[in-house]
N, C-alpha and C. Protein backbone atom coordinates (compact mmCIF):
# COMPACT_ATOMS: atom_id res chain seq x y z
N UNK A 1 -4.96 23.61 6.05
CA UNK A 1 -4.44 22.27 6.18
C UNK A 1 -4.93 21.39 5.03
N UNK A 2 -6.14 21.66 4.48
CA UNK A 2 -6.67 20.80 3.44
C UNK A 2 -5.76 20.78 2.22
N UNK A 3 -5.23 21.93 1.79
CA UNK A 3 -4.32 21.95 0.66
C UNK A 3 -3.09 21.11 0.90
N UNK A 4 -2.56 21.16 2.13
CA UNK A 4 -1.39 20.35 2.46
C UNK A 4 -1.72 18.87 2.38
N UNK A 5 -2.89 18.50 2.89
CA UNK A 5 -3.28 17.10 2.87
C UNK A 5 -3.39 16.58 1.45
N UNK A 6 -3.91 17.38 0.54
CA UNK A 6 -4.13 16.92 -0.83
C UNK A 6 -2.88 16.99 -1.69
N UNK A 7 -2.05 17.98 -1.50
CA UNK A 7 -1.04 18.22 -2.52
C UNK A 7 0.39 18.24 -2.03
N UNK A 8 0.63 18.28 -0.76
CA UNK A 8 1.99 18.46 -0.28
C UNK A 8 2.31 17.54 0.90
N UNK A 9 2.62 16.28 0.62
CA UNK A 9 3.00 15.39 1.73
C UNK A 9 4.23 15.93 2.46
N UNK A 10 4.29 15.69 3.76
CA UNK A 10 5.47 16.10 4.52
C UNK A 10 6.70 15.35 4.05
N UNK A 11 6.54 14.07 3.75
CA UNK A 11 7.65 13.24 3.25
C UNK A 11 7.09 12.14 2.37
N UNK A 12 7.93 11.67 1.47
CA UNK A 12 7.63 10.47 0.69
C UNK A 12 8.79 9.51 0.89
N UNK A 13 8.47 8.25 1.17
CA UNK A 13 9.47 7.21 1.38
C UNK A 13 9.31 6.15 0.29
N UNK A 14 10.44 5.59 -0.16
CA UNK A 14 10.42 4.49 -1.11
C UNK A 14 11.13 3.30 -0.47
N UNK A 15 10.43 2.16 -0.43
CA UNK A 15 10.98 0.91 0.09
C UNK A 15 11.11 -0.05 -1.08
N UNK A 16 12.27 -0.65 -1.22
CA UNK A 16 12.47 -1.60 -2.32
C UNK A 16 13.28 -2.77 -1.82
N UNK A 17 12.80 -3.98 -2.11
CA UNK A 17 13.61 -5.15 -1.82
C UNK A 17 13.61 -6.07 -3.03
N UNK A 18 14.74 -6.71 -3.24
CA UNK A 18 14.90 -7.67 -4.32
C UNK A 18 15.32 -8.99 -3.68
N UNK A 19 14.48 -10.00 -3.82
CA UNK A 19 14.75 -11.30 -3.23
C UNK A 19 15.34 -12.22 -4.30
N UNK A 20 16.46 -12.84 -3.98
CA UNK A 20 17.13 -13.73 -4.94
C UNK A 20 17.25 -15.17 -4.44
N UNK A 21 16.78 -15.41 -3.20
CA UNK A 21 16.74 -16.78 -2.68
C UNK A 21 15.69 -16.84 -1.59
N UNK A 22 15.28 -18.06 -1.27
CA UNK A 22 14.35 -18.19 -0.15
C UNK A 22 15.11 -18.10 1.17
N UNK A 23 14.42 -18.22 2.27
CA UNK A 23 15.06 -18.08 3.59
C UNK A 23 16.10 -19.16 3.87
N UNK A 24 16.03 -20.28 3.16
CA UNK A 24 16.98 -21.37 3.35
C UNK A 24 18.19 -21.24 2.41
N UNK A 25 18.18 -20.20 1.57
CA UNK A 25 19.29 -19.97 0.65
C UNK A 25 19.13 -20.60 -0.72
N UNK A 26 17.97 -21.20 -0.98
CA UNK A 26 17.71 -21.79 -2.29
C UNK A 26 17.49 -20.67 -3.31
N UNK A 27 18.33 -20.58 -4.35
CA UNK A 27 18.19 -19.50 -5.34
C UNK A 27 16.83 -19.54 -6.03
N UNK A 28 16.35 -18.35 -6.40
CA UNK A 28 15.08 -18.23 -7.11
C UNK A 28 15.20 -17.11 -8.15
N UNK A 29 14.23 -17.05 -9.04
CA UNK A 29 14.17 -15.92 -9.94
C UNK A 29 14.00 -14.66 -9.08
N UNK A 30 14.71 -13.57 -9.38
CA UNK A 30 14.58 -12.36 -8.56
C UNK A 30 13.14 -11.83 -8.55
N UNK A 31 12.70 -11.44 -7.37
CA UNK A 31 11.40 -10.82 -7.18
C UNK A 31 11.63 -9.47 -6.53
N UNK A 32 11.08 -8.43 -7.14
CA UNK A 32 11.21 -7.08 -6.60
C UNK A 32 9.86 -6.66 -6.02
N UNK A 33 9.91 -6.15 -4.80
CA UNK A 33 8.73 -5.58 -4.14
C UNK A 33 9.06 -4.14 -3.81
N UNK A 34 8.12 -3.24 -4.10
CA UNK A 34 8.32 -1.82 -3.86
C UNK A 34 7.08 -1.25 -3.18
N UNK A 35 7.30 -0.47 -2.14
CA UNK A 35 6.22 0.29 -1.50
C UNK A 35 6.64 1.74 -1.47
N UNK A 36 5.68 2.61 -1.67
CA UNK A 36 5.92 4.05 -1.57
C UNK A 36 4.91 4.58 -0.55
N UNK A 37 5.40 5.39 0.36
CA UNK A 37 4.57 5.95 1.43
C UNK A 37 4.61 7.47 1.38
N UNK A 38 3.49 8.08 1.72
CA UNK A 38 3.41 9.53 1.86
C UNK A 38 2.87 9.86 3.24
N UNK A 39 3.55 10.78 3.92
CA UNK A 39 3.05 11.28 5.22
C UNK A 39 2.24 12.53 4.91
N UNK A 40 0.96 12.49 5.27
CA UNK A 40 0.06 13.60 4.97
C UNK A 40 -0.61 14.11 6.24
N UNK A 41 -1.01 15.36 6.21
CA UNK A 41 -1.79 15.92 7.31
C UNK A 41 -3.17 15.27 7.32
N UNK A 42 -3.72 15.10 8.51
CA UNK A 42 -5.07 14.56 8.66
C UNK A 42 -6.00 15.70 9.05
N UNK A 43 -6.73 16.27 8.08
CA UNK A 43 -7.59 17.40 8.39
C UNK A 43 -8.78 17.04 9.28
N UNK A 44 -9.01 15.77 9.53
CA UNK A 44 -10.12 15.31 10.36
C UNK A 44 -9.67 14.91 11.77
N UNK A 45 -8.39 15.02 12.07
CA UNK A 45 -7.87 14.59 13.37
C UNK A 45 -8.48 15.41 14.50
N UNK A 46 -8.69 14.72 15.61
CA UNK A 46 -9.11 15.40 16.84
C UNK A 46 -10.59 15.67 16.98
N UNK A 47 -11.39 15.24 16.00
CA UNK A 47 -12.82 15.49 16.10
C UNK A 47 -13.58 14.49 15.24
N UNK A 48 -14.84 14.26 15.60
CA UNK A 48 -15.68 13.43 14.75
C UNK A 48 -16.12 14.25 13.56
N UNK A 49 -16.05 13.64 12.39
CA UNK A 49 -16.51 14.30 11.17
C UNK A 49 -17.22 13.25 10.33
N UNK A 50 -18.49 13.49 10.04
CA UNK A 50 -19.27 12.55 9.25
C UNK A 50 -18.79 12.49 7.81
N UNK A 51 -18.52 13.63 7.23
CA UNK A 51 -18.13 13.71 5.82
C UNK A 51 -16.62 13.59 5.70
N UNK A 52 -16.14 12.49 5.15
CA UNK A 52 -14.71 12.25 5.00
C UNK A 52 -14.23 12.45 3.56
N UNK A 53 -14.99 13.20 2.78
CA UNK A 53 -14.68 13.39 1.36
C UNK A 53 -13.27 13.94 1.13
N UNK A 54 -12.80 14.82 2.01
CA UNK A 54 -11.44 15.36 1.84
C UNK A 54 -10.40 14.24 1.86
N UNK A 55 -10.63 13.23 2.67
CA UNK A 55 -9.70 12.10 2.72
C UNK A 55 -9.85 11.19 1.50
N UNK A 56 -11.08 11.04 0.99
CA UNK A 56 -11.26 10.31 -0.26
C UNK A 56 -10.42 10.96 -1.36
N UNK A 57 -10.55 12.29 -1.44
CA UNK A 57 -9.84 13.05 -2.48
C UNK A 57 -8.32 12.94 -2.32
N UNK A 58 -7.87 12.92 -1.08
CA UNK A 58 -6.44 12.79 -0.82
C UNK A 58 -5.91 11.48 -1.40
N UNK A 59 -6.62 10.39 -1.13
CA UNK A 59 -6.21 9.09 -1.67
C UNK A 59 -6.16 9.09 -3.18
N UNK A 60 -7.17 9.66 -3.81
CA UNK A 60 -7.18 9.72 -5.26
C UNK A 60 -6.10 10.62 -5.82
N UNK A 61 -5.90 11.78 -5.19
CA UNK A 61 -4.92 12.75 -5.69
C UNK A 61 -3.50 12.22 -5.59
N UNK A 62 -3.17 11.54 -4.50
CA UNK A 62 -1.81 11.03 -4.33
C UNK A 62 -1.61 9.64 -4.92
N UNK A 63 -2.68 8.94 -5.20
CA UNK A 63 -2.58 7.58 -5.69
C UNK A 63 -1.75 7.44 -6.95
N UNK A 64 -2.01 8.26 -7.94
CA UNK A 64 -1.26 8.16 -9.19
C UNK A 64 0.22 8.46 -8.96
N UNK A 65 0.50 9.49 -8.21
CA UNK A 65 1.90 9.87 -7.93
C UNK A 65 2.66 8.73 -7.26
N UNK A 66 2.06 8.13 -6.23
CA UNK A 66 2.72 7.05 -5.50
C UNK A 66 2.83 5.79 -6.35
N UNK A 67 1.77 5.48 -7.09
CA UNK A 67 1.80 4.28 -7.95
C UNK A 67 2.88 4.43 -9.02
N UNK A 68 2.94 5.58 -9.66
CA UNK A 68 3.95 5.79 -10.70
C UNK A 68 5.35 5.65 -10.14
N UNK A 69 5.60 6.20 -8.97
CA UNK A 69 6.92 6.10 -8.33
C UNK A 69 7.26 4.64 -8.03
N UNK A 70 6.29 3.90 -7.50
CA UNK A 70 6.54 2.50 -7.19
C UNK A 70 6.86 1.69 -8.44
N UNK A 71 6.08 1.88 -9.48
CA UNK A 71 6.28 1.10 -10.70
C UNK A 71 7.60 1.42 -11.39
N UNK A 72 8.07 2.65 -11.26
CA UNK A 72 9.38 3.00 -11.82
C UNK A 72 10.50 2.20 -11.17
N UNK A 73 10.30 1.76 -9.93
CA UNK A 73 11.33 1.05 -9.18
C UNK A 73 11.35 -0.46 -9.45
N UNK A 74 10.28 -0.99 -10.05
CA UNK A 74 10.22 -2.43 -10.31
C UNK A 74 11.14 -2.80 -11.47
N UNK A 75 11.61 -4.02 -11.44
CA UNK A 75 12.48 -4.54 -12.51
C UNK A 75 11.67 -5.08 -13.68
N UNK A 76 10.45 -5.56 -13.42
CA UNK A 76 9.56 -6.15 -14.42
C UNK A 76 8.15 -5.62 -14.19
N UNK A 77 7.20 -5.89 -15.09
CA UNK A 77 5.83 -5.43 -14.88
C UNK A 77 5.24 -5.97 -13.57
N UNK A 78 4.41 -5.17 -12.96
CA UNK A 78 3.76 -5.56 -11.70
C UNK A 78 2.74 -6.67 -11.92
N UNK A 79 2.73 -7.63 -11.01
CA UNK A 79 1.73 -8.70 -11.04
C UNK A 79 0.92 -8.75 -9.74
N UNK A 80 1.38 -8.06 -8.71
CA UNK A 80 0.69 -8.06 -7.42
C UNK A 80 0.69 -6.65 -6.86
N UNK A 81 -0.31 -6.38 -6.01
CA UNK A 81 -0.39 -5.05 -5.40
C UNK A 81 -1.02 -5.11 -4.02
N UNK A 82 -0.89 -3.98 -3.30
CA UNK A 82 -1.48 -3.86 -1.98
C UNK A 82 -1.43 -2.41 -1.52
N UNK A 83 -2.14 -2.11 -0.43
CA UNK A 83 -2.19 -0.74 0.09
C UNK A 83 -2.41 -0.79 1.60
N UNK A 84 -2.03 0.30 2.26
CA UNK A 84 -2.19 0.34 3.72
C UNK A 84 -2.16 1.79 4.20
N UNK A 85 -2.53 1.99 5.45
CA UNK A 85 -2.43 3.30 6.08
C UNK A 85 -2.22 3.13 7.58
N UNK A 86 -1.42 4.03 8.13
CA UNK A 86 -1.28 4.17 9.58
C UNK A 86 -1.79 5.55 9.93
N UNK A 87 -2.76 5.61 10.84
CA UNK A 87 -3.37 6.86 11.25
C UNK A 87 -2.78 7.27 12.60
N UNK A 88 -2.35 8.53 12.70
CA UNK A 88 -1.84 9.05 13.96
C UNK A 88 -2.90 8.99 15.05
N UNK A 89 -2.46 9.03 16.30
CA UNK A 89 -3.34 8.76 17.44
C UNK A 89 -4.46 9.77 17.65
N UNK A 90 -4.42 10.93 17.03
CA UNK A 90 -5.54 11.87 17.13
C UNK A 90 -6.58 11.61 16.05
N UNK A 91 -6.36 10.58 15.24
CA UNK A 91 -7.29 10.24 14.18
C UNK A 91 -8.08 9.00 14.52
N UNK A 92 -8.85 8.56 13.56
CA UNK A 92 -9.74 7.41 13.70
C UNK A 92 -9.40 6.39 12.62
N UNK A 93 -9.62 5.12 12.89
CA UNK A 93 -9.34 4.07 11.91
C UNK A 93 -10.07 4.35 10.60
N UNK A 94 -11.24 4.96 10.69
CA UNK A 94 -12.02 5.28 9.49
C UNK A 94 -11.32 6.31 8.61
N UNK A 95 -10.46 7.13 9.19
CA UNK A 95 -9.69 8.09 8.39
C UNK A 95 -8.73 7.37 7.45
N UNK A 96 -8.11 6.31 7.96
CA UNK A 96 -7.23 5.52 7.10
C UNK A 96 -8.00 4.83 5.99
N UNK A 97 -9.15 4.27 6.35
CA UNK A 97 -10.00 3.64 5.34
C UNK A 97 -10.44 4.64 4.28
N UNK A 98 -10.74 5.86 4.70
CA UNK A 98 -11.18 6.89 3.76
C UNK A 98 -10.07 7.27 2.78
N UNK A 99 -8.82 7.21 3.21
CA UNK A 99 -7.70 7.55 2.32
C UNK A 99 -7.44 6.42 1.33
N UNK A 100 -7.55 5.16 1.75
CA UNK A 100 -7.12 4.08 0.86
C UNK A 100 -8.25 3.34 0.14
N UNK A 101 -9.51 3.52 0.52
CA UNK A 101 -10.55 2.71 -0.13
C UNK A 101 -11.32 3.42 -1.26
N UNK A 102 -12.01 4.52 -1.04
CA UNK A 102 -12.90 5.01 -2.09
C UNK A 102 -12.23 5.40 -3.41
N UNK A 103 -11.05 6.04 -3.36
CA UNK A 103 -10.49 6.57 -4.61
C UNK A 103 -9.06 6.17 -4.91
N UNK A 104 -8.39 5.45 -4.03
CA UNK A 104 -7.00 5.06 -4.27
C UNK A 104 -6.90 3.89 -5.26
N UNK A 105 -7.87 3.01 -5.27
CA UNK A 105 -7.81 1.84 -6.12
C UNK A 105 -7.74 2.16 -7.61
N UNK A 106 -8.50 3.13 -8.06
CA UNK A 106 -8.53 3.44 -9.50
C UNK A 106 -7.15 3.84 -10.03
N UNK A 107 -6.43 4.77 -9.39
CA UNK A 107 -5.10 5.10 -9.93
C UNK A 107 -4.11 3.94 -9.81
N UNK A 108 -4.27 3.09 -8.78
CA UNK A 108 -3.38 1.94 -8.67
C UNK A 108 -3.63 0.96 -9.82
N UNK A 109 -4.90 0.72 -10.13
CA UNK A 109 -5.24 -0.19 -11.24
C UNK A 109 -4.84 0.41 -12.58
N UNK A 110 -5.13 1.69 -12.77
CA UNK A 110 -4.77 2.35 -14.03
C UNK A 110 -3.28 2.27 -14.29
N UNK A 111 -2.48 2.38 -13.24
CA UNK A 111 -1.02 2.37 -13.39
C UNK A 111 -0.52 1.03 -13.92
N UNK A 112 -1.27 -0.06 -13.69
CA UNK A 112 -0.86 -1.39 -14.18
C UNK A 112 -1.74 -1.86 -15.34
N UNK A 113 -2.52 -0.97 -15.89
CA UNK A 113 -3.34 -1.32 -17.04
C UNK A 113 -4.48 -2.25 -16.73
N UNK A 114 -5.02 -2.17 -15.55
CA UNK A 114 -6.15 -3.01 -15.16
C UNK A 114 -6.01 -3.49 -13.75
N UNK A 115 -6.44 -4.69 -13.50
CA UNK A 115 -6.42 -5.24 -12.15
C UNK A 115 -7.83 -5.66 -11.78
N UNK A 116 -8.14 -6.92 -11.95
CA UNK A 116 -9.48 -7.42 -11.69
C UNK A 116 -9.73 -7.75 -10.22
N UNK A 117 -8.66 -8.01 -9.47
CA UNK A 117 -8.81 -8.44 -8.08
C UNK A 117 -8.89 -7.25 -7.13
N UNK A 118 -9.59 -7.45 -6.04
CA UNK A 118 -9.62 -6.46 -4.97
C UNK A 118 -8.19 -6.22 -4.49
N UNK A 119 -7.86 -4.98 -4.19
CA UNK A 119 -6.51 -4.66 -3.70
C UNK A 119 -6.47 -4.95 -2.20
N UNK A 120 -5.62 -5.90 -1.76
CA UNK A 120 -5.54 -6.20 -0.33
C UNK A 120 -5.10 -4.95 0.45
N UNK A 121 -5.59 -4.83 1.68
CA UNK A 121 -5.28 -3.62 2.43
C UNK A 121 -5.25 -3.88 3.93
N UNK A 122 -4.70 -2.89 4.64
CA UNK A 122 -4.63 -2.93 6.09
C UNK A 122 -4.58 -1.49 6.60
N UNK A 123 -5.24 -1.22 7.72
CA UNK A 123 -5.22 0.10 8.35
C UNK A 123 -5.07 -0.11 9.85
N UNK A 124 -4.30 0.76 10.49
CA UNK A 124 -4.19 0.71 11.94
C UNK A 124 -3.90 2.10 12.49
N UNK A 125 -4.05 2.24 13.79
CA UNK A 125 -3.73 3.48 14.51
C UNK A 125 -2.35 3.28 15.13
N UNK A 126 -1.53 4.32 15.11
CA UNK A 126 -0.22 4.22 15.73
C UNK A 126 0.54 5.52 15.67
N UNK A 127 1.69 5.53 16.30
CA UNK A 127 2.55 6.70 16.32
C UNK A 127 3.80 6.49 15.49
N UNK A 128 4.72 7.41 15.58
CA UNK A 128 5.97 7.28 14.81
C UNK A 128 6.65 5.94 15.07
N UNK A 129 7.08 5.31 14.00
CA UNK A 129 7.77 4.03 14.11
C UNK A 129 6.87 2.81 14.16
N UNK A 130 5.56 3.00 14.15
CA UNK A 130 4.64 1.87 14.15
C UNK A 130 4.83 1.06 12.88
N UNK A 131 4.94 -0.25 13.02
CA UNK A 131 5.05 -1.13 11.85
C UNK A 131 3.65 -1.53 11.39
N UNK A 132 3.52 -1.67 10.08
CA UNK A 132 2.28 -2.18 9.50
C UNK A 132 2.62 -3.29 8.53
N UNK A 133 1.80 -4.32 8.52
CA UNK A 133 1.94 -5.41 7.56
C UNK A 133 1.04 -5.11 6.37
N UNK A 134 1.65 -4.74 5.26
CA UNK A 134 0.93 -4.43 4.04
C UNK A 134 0.78 -5.72 3.23
N UNK A 135 -0.46 -6.18 3.02
CA UNK A 135 -0.66 -7.42 2.27
C UNK A 135 -0.56 -7.19 0.77
N UNK A 136 -0.05 -8.20 0.07
CA UNK A 136 0.01 -8.18 -1.38
C UNK A 136 -0.80 -9.35 -1.92
N UNK A 137 -1.42 -9.15 -3.06
CA UNK A 137 -2.14 -10.21 -3.75
C UNK A 137 -2.07 -9.98 -5.24
N UNK A 138 -2.28 -11.03 -6.02
CA UNK A 138 -2.22 -10.94 -7.48
C UNK A 138 -3.24 -9.91 -7.96
N UNK A 139 -2.86 -9.12 -8.93
CA UNK A 139 -3.72 -8.03 -9.40
C UNK A 139 -4.95 -8.51 -10.18
N UNK A 140 -4.88 -9.71 -10.74
CA UNK A 140 -6.00 -10.20 -11.53
C UNK A 140 -6.65 -11.46 -10.96
N UNK A 141 -5.90 -12.28 -10.25
CA UNK A 141 -6.40 -13.55 -9.75
C UNK A 141 -6.38 -13.57 -8.22
N UNK A 142 -7.53 -13.35 -7.58
CA UNK A 142 -7.53 -13.30 -6.12
C UNK A 142 -7.24 -14.65 -5.47
N UNK A 143 -7.24 -15.73 -6.25
CA UNK A 143 -6.98 -17.06 -5.72
C UNK A 143 -5.56 -17.53 -5.99
N UNK A 144 -4.68 -16.67 -6.43
CA UNK A 144 -3.30 -17.07 -6.68
C UNK A 144 -2.54 -17.10 -5.35
N UNK A 145 -2.52 -18.27 -4.71
CA UNK A 145 -1.84 -18.41 -3.43
C UNK A 145 -0.37 -18.01 -3.52
N UNK A 146 0.26 -18.25 -4.66
CA UNK A 146 1.68 -17.92 -4.83
C UNK A 146 1.98 -16.44 -4.60
N UNK A 147 0.99 -15.59 -4.83
CA UNK A 147 1.21 -14.14 -4.73
C UNK A 147 0.75 -13.54 -3.40
N UNK A 148 0.21 -14.36 -2.49
CA UNK A 148 -0.13 -13.86 -1.16
C UNK A 148 1.19 -13.56 -0.45
N UNK A 149 1.40 -12.34 -0.08
CA UNK A 149 2.68 -11.93 0.52
C UNK A 149 2.42 -10.74 1.43
N UNK A 150 3.43 -10.34 2.16
CA UNK A 150 3.32 -9.22 3.09
C UNK A 150 4.63 -8.46 3.11
N UNK A 151 4.52 -7.15 3.16
CA UNK A 151 5.68 -6.29 3.41
C UNK A 151 5.46 -5.63 4.76
N UNK A 152 6.40 -5.75 5.67
CA UNK A 152 6.31 -5.06 6.95
C UNK A 152 7.06 -3.75 6.81
N UNK A 153 6.35 -2.66 7.05
CA UNK A 153 6.88 -1.32 6.79
C UNK A 153 6.75 -0.44 8.03
N UNK A 154 7.68 0.49 8.16
CA UNK A 154 7.63 1.45 9.26
C UNK A 154 8.23 2.77 8.81
N UNK A 155 7.74 3.84 9.38
CA UNK A 155 8.25 5.19 9.12
C UNK A 155 8.79 5.72 10.45
N UNK A 156 10.09 6.02 10.53
CA UNK A 156 10.67 6.42 11.82
C UNK A 156 10.02 7.65 12.46
N UNK A 157 9.61 8.64 11.66
CA UNK A 157 9.09 9.87 12.25
C UNK A 157 7.64 10.13 11.85
N UNK A 158 6.89 9.09 11.63
CA UNK A 158 5.50 9.28 11.28
C UNK A 158 4.71 8.00 11.50
N UNK A 159 3.42 8.15 11.71
CA UNK A 159 2.70 9.41 11.65
C UNK A 159 2.74 10.15 12.99
N UNK A 160 2.79 11.46 12.91
CA UNK A 160 2.59 12.28 14.10
C UNK A 160 1.10 12.20 14.45
N UNK A 161 0.69 12.69 15.63
CA UNK A 161 -0.71 12.51 16.05
C UNK A 161 -1.75 12.99 15.04
N UNK A 162 -1.46 14.06 14.30
CA UNK A 162 -2.42 14.62 13.35
C UNK A 162 -2.06 14.30 11.90
N UNK A 163 -1.46 13.13 11.67
CA UNK A 163 -1.05 12.75 10.32
C UNK A 163 -1.56 11.34 9.98
N UNK A 164 -1.45 11.03 8.71
CA UNK A 164 -1.71 9.69 8.19
C UNK A 164 -0.54 9.34 7.27
N UNK A 165 -0.09 8.09 7.37
CA UNK A 165 0.87 7.58 6.39
C UNK A 165 0.09 6.64 5.49
N UNK A 166 0.09 6.93 4.19
CA UNK A 166 -0.56 6.03 3.24
C UNK A 166 0.50 5.34 2.40
N UNK A 167 0.27 4.07 2.10
CA UNK A 167 1.23 3.24 1.37
C UNK A 167 0.56 2.62 0.15
N UNK A 168 1.30 2.54 -0.96
CA UNK A 168 0.92 1.70 -2.09
C UNK A 168 2.11 0.78 -2.36
N UNK A 169 1.83 -0.42 -2.82
CA UNK A 169 2.92 -1.38 -3.06
C UNK A 169 2.61 -2.25 -4.27
N UNK A 170 3.68 -2.66 -4.93
CA UNK A 170 3.59 -3.56 -6.08
C UNK A 170 4.73 -4.56 -6.00
N UNK A 171 4.50 -5.72 -6.63
CA UNK A 171 5.52 -6.74 -6.74
C UNK A 171 5.53 -7.25 -8.18
N UNK A 172 6.71 -7.64 -8.64
CA UNK A 172 6.80 -8.17 -10.01
C UNK A 172 6.88 -9.70 -10.03
N UNK A 173 6.57 -10.33 -8.91
CA UNK A 173 6.59 -11.79 -8.88
C UNK A 173 5.89 -12.33 -7.65
N UNK A 174 5.90 -13.65 -7.58
CA UNK A 174 5.31 -14.35 -6.43
C UNK A 174 6.35 -14.46 -5.32
N UNK A 175 5.98 -15.11 -4.22
CA UNK A 175 6.96 -15.41 -3.17
C UNK A 175 8.06 -16.26 -3.77
N UNK A 176 9.25 -16.27 -3.18
CA UNK A 176 10.32 -17.12 -3.70
C UNK A 176 9.94 -18.61 -3.61
N UNK A 177 10.06 -19.30 -4.71
CA UNK A 177 9.83 -20.73 -4.81
C UNK A 177 8.52 -21.14 -4.11
N UNK A 178 7.37 -20.59 -4.55
CA UNK A 178 6.10 -20.92 -3.89
C UNK A 178 5.75 -22.39 -4.07
N UNK A 179 5.21 -22.98 -3.00
CA UNK A 179 4.87 -24.40 -3.02
C UNK A 179 3.54 -24.70 -2.33
N UNK A 180 2.66 -23.72 -2.26
CA UNK A 180 1.39 -23.91 -1.55
C UNK A 180 0.22 -24.27 -2.46
N UNK A 181 0.44 -24.39 -3.75
CA UNK A 181 -0.63 -24.73 -4.67
C UNK A 181 -1.18 -23.51 -5.37
N UNK A 182 -2.06 -23.75 -6.28
CA UNK A 182 -2.57 -22.69 -7.15
C UNK A 182 -3.92 -22.16 -6.72
N UNK A 183 -4.47 -22.63 -5.63
CA UNK A 183 -5.78 -22.17 -5.20
C UNK A 183 -6.85 -23.17 -5.57
N UNK A 184 -8.11 -22.85 -5.24
CA UNK A 184 -9.18 -23.81 -5.47
C UNK A 184 -9.42 -24.05 -6.96
N UNK A 185 -9.80 -25.27 -7.26
CA UNK A 185 -10.15 -25.63 -8.63
C UNK A 185 -11.62 -25.27 -8.81
N UNK A 186 -11.90 -24.50 -9.85
CA UNK A 186 -13.29 -24.07 -10.10
C UNK A 186 -13.89 -24.99 -11.15
N UNK A 187 -15.13 -25.41 -10.91
CA UNK A 187 -15.78 -26.30 -11.88
C UNK A 187 -16.96 -25.63 -12.54
């Protein structure tokens, strides 16, 4: 199962939306948001395991592949990013954290040529069809209120009880017509 977890996702999904107006119909510069998800086996499901290194490696191994796929779908260079995981019910919340925290960030940052800000994230337990709110934030400025955003994502047939769905996401712009300010003024 370990080889499958690291190298052979059961499925890969690509989510892409292009926003051209706000919810009231006011036109805006187009903003593209893309998320890519991989359904992977959870080799730690069904038992307590202190050493989660296999899941760290899974995040790192798939991170570049998913990031590259997401960036190919954007219309312009990425300015915001985020990550998430849904762990099947035979797993633990820590399994999702192990996939997206220790080693996924480096390939996501490398894919955009840097990224000074922490990558916003979310993890939850659920079954097939569970929705997750994947947070997005500016890749370099953690105080850019304009780039605080969320993509609600779901996989119809995953995760199964012994699987994890991991997501990476990028956006090439802020929310449509942001009006919340630029964040705190630093002195």
